[in-house]
Protein backbone atom coordinates (compact mmCIF):
# COMPACT_ATOMS: atom_id res chain seq x y z
CA ARG A 1 45.51 42.80 -0.82
CA THR A 2 42.42 42.33 -2.90
CA TYR A 3 39.35 40.37 -1.59
CA THR A 4 36.67 39.29 -4.11
CA THR A 5 33.70 37.07 -4.09
CA PRO A 6 33.10 34.27 -4.78
CA GLY A 7 36.09 32.79 -2.92
CA ASP A 8 36.69 35.45 -0.27
CA TYR A 9 34.22 36.76 2.23
CA VAL A 10 33.28 40.52 1.87
CA SER A 11 30.42 42.09 3.85
CA GLY A 12 29.19 45.43 5.01
CA ALA A 13 26.86 46.25 7.91
CA ARG A 14 25.53 49.20 9.94
CA ASP A 15 25.63 48.91 13.64
CA SER A 16 23.38 50.44 16.33
CA SER A 17 25.74 53.37 16.80
CA GLY A 18 25.29 54.51 13.34
CA ASN A 19 28.76 53.20 12.06
CA PHE A 20 29.25 51.29 8.87
CA ALA A 21 31.86 48.53 8.83
CA VAL A 22 33.30 46.76 5.74
CA PHE A 23 34.88 43.44 6.58
CA ALA A 24 36.85 41.09 4.15
CA SER A 25 38.69 37.91 4.73
CA SER A 26 40.52 35.46 2.58
CA ASN A 27 39.43 31.80 2.18
CA THR A 28 43.00 30.93 0.91
CA ASP A 29 45.23 32.54 3.61
CA SER A 30 44.76 34.04 7.04
CA THR A 31 44.47 37.73 6.01
CA SER A 32 41.50 40.02 6.65
CA ALA A 33 40.84 43.78 6.89
CA GLN A 34 38.09 45.82 8.40
CA LEU A 35 37.36 49.56 8.06
CA GLN A 36 34.75 51.59 9.93
CA PHE A 37 33.21 55.00 9.50
CA ASN A 38 30.18 57.04 10.63
CA SER A 39 27.27 56.46 8.18
CA THR A 40 25.26 59.47 9.03
CA GLY A 41 24.39 61.26 5.74
CA ILE A 42 25.68 58.41 3.53
CA THR A 43 24.80 59.11 -0.10
CA GLN A 44 26.60 58.83 -3.36
CA GLY A 45 29.26 61.46 -3.46
CA SER A 46 29.49 61.87 0.34
CA THR A 47 32.73 61.92 2.36
CA HIS A 48 33.10 60.42 5.79
CA THR A 49 35.91 60.19 8.38
CA LEU A 50 37.50 56.86 8.71
CA SER A 51 37.34 55.93 12.45
CA LEU A 52 39.06 52.45 12.47
CA PHE A 53 41.26 50.40 10.18
CA TYR A 54 42.10 46.88 11.25
CA PRO A 55 44.34 44.67 9.18
CA SER A 56 45.15 41.08 9.98
CA PRO A 57 47.69 39.76 10.42
CA ASN A 58 48.28 42.78 12.63
CA ILE A 59 50.74 45.45 11.69
CA ASP A 60 52.30 47.30 14.71
CA GLY A 61 50.51 44.98 17.12
CA GLY A 62 46.94 46.15 16.73
CA TYR A 63 44.51 48.31 14.93
CA PHE A 64 44.74 51.83 13.59
CA ALA A 65 42.70 54.81 14.44
CA SER A 66 42.25 57.92 12.33
CA PRO A 67 42.94 61.30 13.96
CA THR A 68 40.27 63.88 13.09
CA GLY A 69 40.42 64.37 9.29
CA GLY A 70 43.29 61.93 9.07
CA ALA A 71 41.71 59.56 6.68
CA THR A 72 38.54 59.62 4.71
CA VAL A 73 36.06 57.42 3.02
CA ASN A 74 34.54 58.58 -0.26
CA ILE A 75 31.24 56.91 -1.27
CA THR A 76 31.17 56.68 -5.08
CA GLU A 77 28.02 54.46 -5.38
CA TYR A 78 25.06 54.11 -3.02
CA GLY A 79 22.49 51.93 -4.64
CA ASN A 80 19.08 50.84 -3.53
CA ILE A 81 18.68 47.74 -1.35
CA GLY A 82 20.09 44.86 -3.31
CA GLY A 83 22.41 47.34 -5.23
CA TYR A 84 25.97 48.32 -4.27
CA ILE A 85 27.68 50.50 -1.85
CA GLN A 86 31.02 51.29 -3.33
CA GLY A 87 33.81 53.64 -2.22
CA THR A 88 37.40 54.47 -1.66
CA PHE A 89 39.43 55.25 1.44
CA SER A 90 42.75 57.01 1.97
CA GLY A 91 44.80 59.02 4.44
CA ASN A 92 46.93 58.78 7.55
CA VAL A 93 46.12 56.48 10.54
CA ILE A 94 48.00 55.88 13.77
CA GLY A 95 48.67 52.58 15.39
CA VAL A 96 46.89 52.55 18.83
CA ASN A 97 49.50 50.44 20.48
CA THR A 98 52.71 51.96 18.97
CA GLN A 99 51.61 55.39 17.84
CA THR A 100 53.27 54.61 14.48
CA PRO A 101 51.72 56.65 11.61
CA ARG A 102 50.81 54.80 8.43
CA GLN A 103 49.48 55.90 5.10
CA ILE A 104 46.54 53.72 3.79
CA SER A 105 44.46 53.58 0.66
CA GLY A 106 42.00 51.11 -0.85
CA SER A 107 38.47 50.58 -2.19
CA PHE A 108 35.46 48.43 -1.38
CA LYS A 109 32.20 47.29 -3.07
CA VAL A 110 29.52 45.56 -1.05
CA VAL A 111 25.87 44.71 -1.53
CA ARG A 112 23.49 46.90 0.28
CA ARG A 113 21.21 44.87 2.55
CA GLN A 114 19.24 47.67 4.38
């Protein structure tokens, strides 16, 4: 599923724990997706471990966690404030409710606000 603005909602934010989350939702159907990774050392060209992937509607009854090194986020652009944070993610995640493994991949591009 591709989410783009205008039309869909796409945002990125850093939380108080040092994690960066990308959230996207559709204005035309009830789908959304969220991914989260530790943002320590985030720069263009850096690689981070994906800690959470949450698609909606839910697949396998909930969200997915990434075992150590199971899925990564690669930052391809890290602009100044007002510029873009862009990257790709891929790898293997495990459903926390069913322990079902899934392979995921995707990309994102959000405006840097801080």
